[in-house]
Amino acid sequence: PTEKITAFATLIPTMLAPISMALNRGDEDSARACLELTIENLDLEPKFWKPHIGMILEAMVQVASSTTLDESTRQLALELIVSAAEALPSACRRIPTFATSVFPLALSMMLELD
C-alpha cells in the first residue's frame, strides 16, 4: 500500500488545480465543492497527502486569508488546515511557519464581524 500511495502522491498538485482554477474564474461554488472533497480525501487517507502538506497548507492559508472570498470558502480552507493538523500532526509541526501563519489567521477569522 505504501508504494501505491507514494506513486500517486505526485498527482496532488494536479488534484488541487481545480480549486485554484475555480477561484481564479470566480466560481466559488465549484471551489467549495472541491475543498469539501479534498477534506474528505485527507480524512480518509492522510498519508497520501503527507509529501505535499507544506504546499497544501500554504495554499489554504492564502485562500483563508483572502477577504475578497466568501466566508464559507474561507472557512472550508481553514477546515482543510485543521483536518491536516489533526490527521498529520507531526508533519505540520515540522513546517516552520505553521503556527505563525495558522494561529493568527484562525484568531482573526474568529474575530471578524458580519
N, C-alpha and C. Protein backbone atom coordinates (compact mmCIF):
# COMPACT_ATOMS: atom_id res chain seq x y z
N PRO A 1 0.80 -1.21 0.00
CA PRO A 1 0.00 0.00 0.00
C PRO A 1 0.84 1.28 0.00
N THR A 2 1.97 1.29 0.74
CA THR A 2 2.79 2.49 0.82
C THR A 2 3.35 2.85 -0.55
N GLU A 3 3.75 1.85 -1.34
CA GLU A 3 4.28 2.12 -2.67
C GLU A 3 3.22 2.77 -3.56
N LYS A 4 1.99 2.31 -3.44
CA LYS A 4 0.91 2.88 -4.24
C LYS A 4 0.63 4.33 -3.82
N ILE A 5 0.67 4.58 -2.52
CA ILE A 5 0.46 5.94 -2.03
C ILE A 5 1.54 6.85 -2.57
N THR A 6 2.78 6.41 -2.50
CA THR A 6 3.90 7.21 -2.98
C THR A 6 3.77 7.48 -4.47
N ALA A 7 3.39 6.48 -5.22
CA ALA A 7 3.26 6.65 -6.67
C ALA A 7 2.21 7.68 -7.03
N PHE A 8 1.11 7.69 -6.32
CA PHE A 8 0.04 8.62 -6.63
C PHE A 8 0.19 9.99 -5.97
N ALA A 9 1.06 10.10 -4.99
CA ALA A 9 1.25 11.37 -4.28
C ALA A 9 1.74 12.47 -5.21
N THR A 10 2.40 12.10 -6.29
CA THR A 10 2.87 13.11 -7.25
C THR A 10 1.71 13.80 -7.95
N LEU A 11 0.52 13.23 -7.87
CA LEU A 11 -0.66 13.80 -8.51
C LEU A 11 -1.34 14.88 -7.67
N ILE A 12 -0.90 15.07 -6.45
CA ILE A 12 -1.57 16.02 -5.55
C ILE A 12 -1.64 17.43 -6.13
N PRO A 13 -0.55 17.99 -6.67
CA PRO A 13 -0.68 19.33 -7.25
C PRO A 13 -1.74 19.40 -8.35
N THR A 14 -1.83 18.34 -9.15
CA THR A 14 -2.85 18.29 -10.20
C THR A 14 -4.25 18.19 -9.60
N MET A 15 -4.37 17.47 -8.49
CA MET A 15 -5.66 17.33 -7.83
C MET A 15 -6.13 18.63 -7.19
N LEU A 16 -5.19 19.49 -6.81
CA LEU A 16 -5.54 20.77 -6.20
C LEU A 16 -5.80 21.86 -7.23
N ALA A 17 -5.38 21.63 -8.45
CA ALA A 17 -5.53 22.64 -9.51
C ALA A 17 -6.98 23.10 -9.71
N PRO A 18 -7.98 22.21 -9.66
CA PRO A 18 -9.36 22.69 -9.85
C PRO A 18 -9.80 23.74 -8.82
N ILE A 19 -9.27 23.66 -7.60
CA ILE A 19 -9.61 24.66 -6.59
C ILE A 19 -9.10 26.02 -7.04
N SER A 20 -7.85 26.06 -7.43
CA SER A 20 -7.24 27.30 -7.90
C SER A 20 -7.94 27.83 -9.14
N MET A 21 -8.22 26.95 -10.08
CA MET A 21 -8.87 27.37 -11.33
C MET A 21 -10.26 27.94 -11.04
N ALA A 22 -11.00 27.28 -10.18
CA ALA A 22 -12.35 27.75 -9.85
C ALA A 22 -12.29 29.12 -9.17
N LEU A 23 -11.37 29.29 -8.24
CA LEU A 23 -11.25 30.58 -7.55
C LEU A 23 -10.81 31.68 -8.52
N ASN A 24 -9.91 31.35 -9.43
CA ASN A 24 -9.43 32.35 -10.39
C ASN A 24 -10.52 32.81 -11.34
N ARG A 25 -11.48 31.95 -11.62
CA ARG A 25 -12.58 32.37 -12.50
C ARG A 25 -13.81 32.85 -11.72
N GLY A 26 -13.68 32.93 -10.39
CA GLY A 26 -14.75 33.45 -9.56
C GLY A 26 -15.87 32.46 -9.27
N ASP A 27 -15.63 31.19 -9.50
CA ASP A 27 -16.62 30.14 -9.28
C ASP A 27 -16.41 29.53 -7.89
N GLU A 28 -16.86 30.25 -6.87
CA GLU A 28 -16.62 29.78 -5.50
C GLU A 28 -17.43 28.53 -5.17
N ASP A 29 -18.57 28.33 -5.82
CA ASP A 29 -19.36 27.12 -5.56
C ASP A 29 -18.54 25.87 -5.92
N SER A 30 -17.92 25.91 -7.09
CA SER A 30 -17.08 24.77 -7.51
C SER A 30 -15.86 24.64 -6.60
N ALA A 31 -15.27 25.75 -6.23
CA ALA A 31 -14.11 25.71 -5.33
C ALA A 31 -14.49 25.08 -4.00
N ARG A 32 -15.66 25.45 -3.47
CA ARG A 32 -16.10 24.88 -2.18
C ARG A 32 -16.34 23.38 -2.32
N ALA A 33 -16.92 22.96 -3.44
CA ALA A 33 -17.15 21.52 -3.67
C ALA A 33 -15.82 20.77 -3.71
N CYS A 34 -14.84 21.35 -4.38
CA CYS A 34 -13.50 20.73 -4.44
C CYS A 34 -12.85 20.69 -3.06
N LEU A 35 -13.00 21.77 -2.30
CA LEU A 35 -12.43 21.80 -0.95
C LEU A 35 -13.07 20.73 -0.07
N GLU A 36 -14.38 20.57 -0.16
CA GLU A 36 -15.07 19.56 0.64
C GLU A 36 -14.56 18.15 0.29
N LEU A 37 -14.39 17.88 -1.00
CA LEU A 37 -13.88 16.57 -1.42
C LEU A 37 -12.44 16.36 -0.97
N THR A 38 -11.66 17.41 -1.01
CA THR A 38 -10.27 17.32 -0.56
C THR A 38 -10.19 17.02 0.93
N ILE A 39 -11.06 17.67 1.70
CA ILE A 39 -11.11 17.41 3.15
C ILE A 39 -11.49 15.96 3.40
N GLU A 40 -12.49 15.47 2.69
CA GLU A 40 -12.90 14.07 2.84
C GLU A 40 -11.75 13.12 2.53
N ASN A 41 -11.08 13.40 1.41
CA ASN A 41 -9.97 12.55 0.98
C ASN A 41 -8.83 12.60 1.99
N LEU A 42 -8.53 13.77 2.51
CA LEU A 42 -7.48 13.91 3.52
C LEU A 42 -7.82 13.11 4.77
N ASP A 43 -9.08 13.14 5.17
CA ASP A 43 -9.51 12.39 6.36
C ASP A 43 -9.42 10.88 6.13
N LEU A 44 -9.71 10.44 4.90
CA LEU A 44 -9.69 9.01 4.60
C LEU A 44 -8.29 8.44 4.46
N GLU A 45 -7.38 9.21 3.86
CA GLU A 45 -6.03 8.71 3.58
C GLU A 45 -5.00 9.80 3.81
N PRO A 46 -4.73 10.15 5.06
CA PRO A 46 -3.81 11.26 5.35
C PRO A 46 -2.39 11.05 4.83
N LYS A 47 -1.90 9.82 4.85
CA LYS A 47 -0.53 9.56 4.41
C LYS A 47 -0.32 9.93 2.94
N PHE A 48 -1.37 9.84 2.17
CA PHE A 48 -1.32 10.21 0.75
C PHE A 48 -0.92 11.66 0.58
N TRP A 49 -1.36 12.52 1.48
CA TRP A 49 -1.15 13.97 1.37
C TRP A 49 0.15 14.44 2.01
N LYS A 50 0.76 13.59 2.82
CA LYS A 50 1.93 13.98 3.61
C LYS A 50 3.07 14.59 2.80
N PRO A 51 3.45 14.04 1.64
CA PRO A 51 4.59 14.61 0.91
C PRO A 51 4.39 16.06 0.48
N HIS A 52 3.16 16.50 0.35
CA HIS A 52 2.88 17.84 -0.14
C HIS A 52 2.17 18.72 0.88
N ILE A 53 2.21 18.33 2.15
CA ILE A 53 1.43 19.04 3.16
C ILE A 53 1.84 20.51 3.28
N GLY A 54 3.10 20.82 3.12
CA GLY A 54 3.54 22.21 3.20
C GLY A 54 2.92 23.07 2.11
N MET A 55 2.94 22.56 0.88
CA MET A 55 2.34 23.28 -0.24
C MET A 55 0.83 23.45 -0.04
N ILE A 56 0.18 22.41 0.42
CA ILE A 56 -1.26 22.45 0.64
C ILE A 56 -1.61 23.50 1.69
N LEU A 57 -0.90 23.47 2.80
CA LEU A 57 -1.18 24.42 3.87
C LEU A 57 -0.91 25.85 3.44
N GLU A 58 0.15 26.06 2.69
CA GLU A 58 0.45 27.41 2.19
C GLU A 58 -0.68 27.92 1.30
N ALA A 59 -1.16 27.07 0.41
CA ALA A 59 -2.26 27.46 -0.48
C ALA A 59 -3.54 27.74 0.31
N MET A 60 -3.83 26.91 1.31
CA MET A 60 -5.05 27.10 2.08
C MET A 60 -4.98 28.33 2.97
N VAL A 61 -3.80 28.67 3.45
CA VAL A 61 -3.64 29.91 4.22
C VAL A 61 -3.93 31.10 3.32
N GLN A 62 -3.48 31.04 2.07
CA GLN A 62 -3.76 32.13 1.13
C GLN A 62 -5.26 32.26 0.87
N VAL A 63 -5.94 31.13 0.68
CA VAL A 63 -7.39 31.16 0.43
C VAL A 63 -8.11 31.69 1.66
N ALA A 64 -7.79 31.16 2.82
CA ALA A 64 -8.48 31.58 4.05
C ALA A 64 -8.19 33.04 4.39
N SER A 65 -7.05 33.55 3.97
CA SER A 65 -6.68 34.94 4.26
C SER A 65 -7.33 35.94 3.33
N SER A 66 -7.83 35.48 2.21
CA SER A 66 -8.39 36.39 1.21
C SER A 66 -9.76 36.90 1.62
N THR A 67 -9.82 38.15 2.01
CA THR A 67 -11.09 38.73 2.47
C THR A 67 -12.03 39.02 1.31
N THR A 68 -11.57 38.87 0.07
CA THR A 68 -12.46 39.07 -1.08
C THR A 68 -13.32 37.84 -1.35
N LEU A 69 -12.95 36.71 -0.75
CA LEU A 69 -13.71 35.47 -0.95
C LEU A 69 -14.85 35.39 0.05
N ASP A 70 -15.84 34.59 -0.31
CA ASP A 70 -16.98 34.35 0.55
C ASP A 70 -16.51 33.68 1.85
N GLU A 71 -17.18 34.00 2.93
CA GLU A 71 -16.82 33.47 4.25
C GLU A 71 -16.81 31.94 4.26
N SER A 72 -17.77 31.32 3.59
CA SER A 72 -17.84 29.85 3.61
C SER A 72 -16.66 29.23 2.87
N THR A 73 -16.18 29.88 1.84
CA THR A 73 -15.00 29.39 1.12
C THR A 73 -13.78 29.47 2.02
N ARG A 74 -13.64 30.59 2.69
CA ARG A 74 -12.51 30.79 3.61
C ARG A 74 -12.57 29.79 4.76
N GLN A 75 -13.76 29.53 5.27
CA GLN A 75 -13.91 28.59 6.38
C GLN A 75 -13.53 27.17 5.96
N LEU A 76 -13.88 26.80 4.73
CA LEU A 76 -13.51 25.46 4.25
C LEU A 76 -11.99 25.34 4.10
N ALA A 77 -11.34 26.41 3.68
CA ALA A 77 -9.87 26.39 3.59
C ALA A 77 -9.28 26.19 4.98
N LEU A 78 -9.82 26.89 5.96
CA LEU A 78 -9.34 26.72 7.33
C LEU A 78 -9.67 25.32 7.85
N GLU A 79 -10.81 24.78 7.48
CA GLU A 79 -11.17 23.42 7.89
C GLU A 79 -10.18 22.40 7.32
N LEU A 80 -9.74 22.63 6.09
CA LEU A 80 -8.75 21.74 5.50
C LEU A 80 -7.44 21.82 6.28
N ILE A 81 -7.06 23.01 6.70
CA ILE A 81 -5.85 23.18 7.51
C ILE A 81 -5.99 22.42 8.83
N VAL A 82 -7.12 22.58 9.48
CA VAL A 82 -7.36 21.91 10.76
C VAL A 82 -7.39 20.39 10.58
N SER A 83 -8.02 19.93 9.51
CA SER A 83 -8.06 18.49 9.23
C SER A 83 -6.65 17.94 9.03
N ALA A 84 -5.82 18.70 8.32
CA ALA A 84 -4.44 18.28 8.10
C ALA A 84 -3.68 18.22 9.42
N ALA A 85 -3.90 19.21 10.27
CA ALA A 85 -3.22 19.23 11.57
C ALA A 85 -3.66 18.07 12.45
N GLU A 86 -4.92 17.69 12.36
CA GLU A 86 -5.42 16.56 13.14
C GLU A 86 -4.92 15.23 12.60
N ALA A 87 -4.90 15.11 11.27
CA ALA A 87 -4.53 13.84 10.65
C ALA A 87 -3.01 13.64 10.55
N LEU A 88 -2.27 14.74 10.42
CA LEU A 88 -0.82 14.67 10.24
C LEU A 88 -0.11 15.64 11.19
N PRO A 89 -0.29 15.47 12.49
CA PRO A 89 0.26 16.44 13.43
C PRO A 89 1.78 16.59 13.37
N SER A 90 2.49 15.48 13.24
CA SER A 90 3.96 15.59 13.21
C SER A 90 4.44 16.27 11.94
N ALA A 91 3.78 16.02 10.82
CA ALA A 91 4.16 16.68 9.56
C ALA A 91 3.91 18.19 9.66
N CYS A 92 2.82 18.57 10.29
CA CYS A 92 2.51 20.00 10.44
C CYS A 92 3.48 20.68 11.40
N ARG A 93 3.88 19.97 12.45
CA ARG A 93 4.85 20.53 13.40
C ARG A 93 6.19 20.80 12.73
N ARG A 94 6.51 20.03 11.71
CA ARG A 94 7.80 20.20 11.02
C ARG A 94 7.79 21.40 10.06
N ILE A 95 6.65 21.97 9.81
CA ILE A 95 6.57 23.14 8.94
C ILE A 95 6.86 24.37 9.79
N PRO A 96 7.98 25.05 9.53
CA PRO A 96 8.40 26.15 10.40
C PRO A 96 7.38 27.28 10.54
N THR A 97 6.61 27.53 9.49
CA THR A 97 5.68 28.66 9.51
C THR A 97 4.26 28.26 9.91
N PHE A 98 4.06 27.01 10.29
CA PHE A 98 2.69 26.56 10.57
C PHE A 98 2.02 27.40 11.65
N ALA A 99 2.62 27.43 12.82
CA ALA A 99 1.99 28.14 13.94
C ALA A 99 1.89 29.64 13.68
N THR A 100 2.92 30.21 13.09
CA THR A 100 2.93 31.67 12.89
C THR A 100 1.98 32.12 11.79
N SER A 101 1.56 31.22 10.92
CA SER A 101 0.60 31.62 9.89
C SER A 101 -0.83 31.16 10.21
N VAL A 102 -0.97 29.99 10.80
CA VAL A 102 -2.31 29.44 11.02
C VAL A 102 -3.00 30.06 12.24
N PHE A 103 -2.29 30.19 13.35
CA PHE A 103 -2.95 30.69 14.56
C PHE A 103 -3.46 32.13 14.40
N PRO A 104 -2.65 33.07 13.90
CA PRO A 104 -3.20 34.42 13.70
C PRO A 104 -4.37 34.44 12.72
N LEU A 105 -4.29 33.59 11.70
CA LEU A 105 -5.38 33.51 10.72
C LEU A 105 -6.66 33.02 11.39
N ALA A 106 -6.56 31.95 12.15
CA ALA A 106 -7.75 31.39 12.82
C ALA A 106 -8.33 32.40 13.80
N LEU A 107 -7.47 33.06 14.55
CA LEU A 107 -7.96 34.07 15.52
C LEU A 107 -8.61 35.26 14.81
N SER A 108 -8.02 35.71 13.72
CA SER A 108 -8.61 36.85 13.01
C SER A 108 -9.95 36.47 12.40
N MET A 109 -10.08 35.23 11.91
CA MET A 109 -11.36 34.80 11.36
C MET A 109 -12.42 34.71 12.45
N MET A 110 -12.02 34.30 13.66
CA MET A 110 -12.97 34.22 14.76
C MET A 110 -13.45 35.61 15.19
N LEU A 111 -12.59 36.61 15.02
CA LEU A 111 -12.92 37.96 15.46
C LEU A 111 -13.66 38.79 14.42
N GLU A 112 -13.75 38.29 13.19
CA GLU A 112 -14.43 39.04 12.14
C GLU A 112 -15.91 39.17 12.46
N LEU A 113 -16.41 40.35 12.22
CA LEU A 113 -17.83 40.62 12.43
C LEU A 113 -18.57 40.56 11.11
N ASP A 114 -19.79 40.09 11.14
CA ASP A 114 -20.59 40.04 9.90
C ASP A 114 -21.09 41.42 9.55
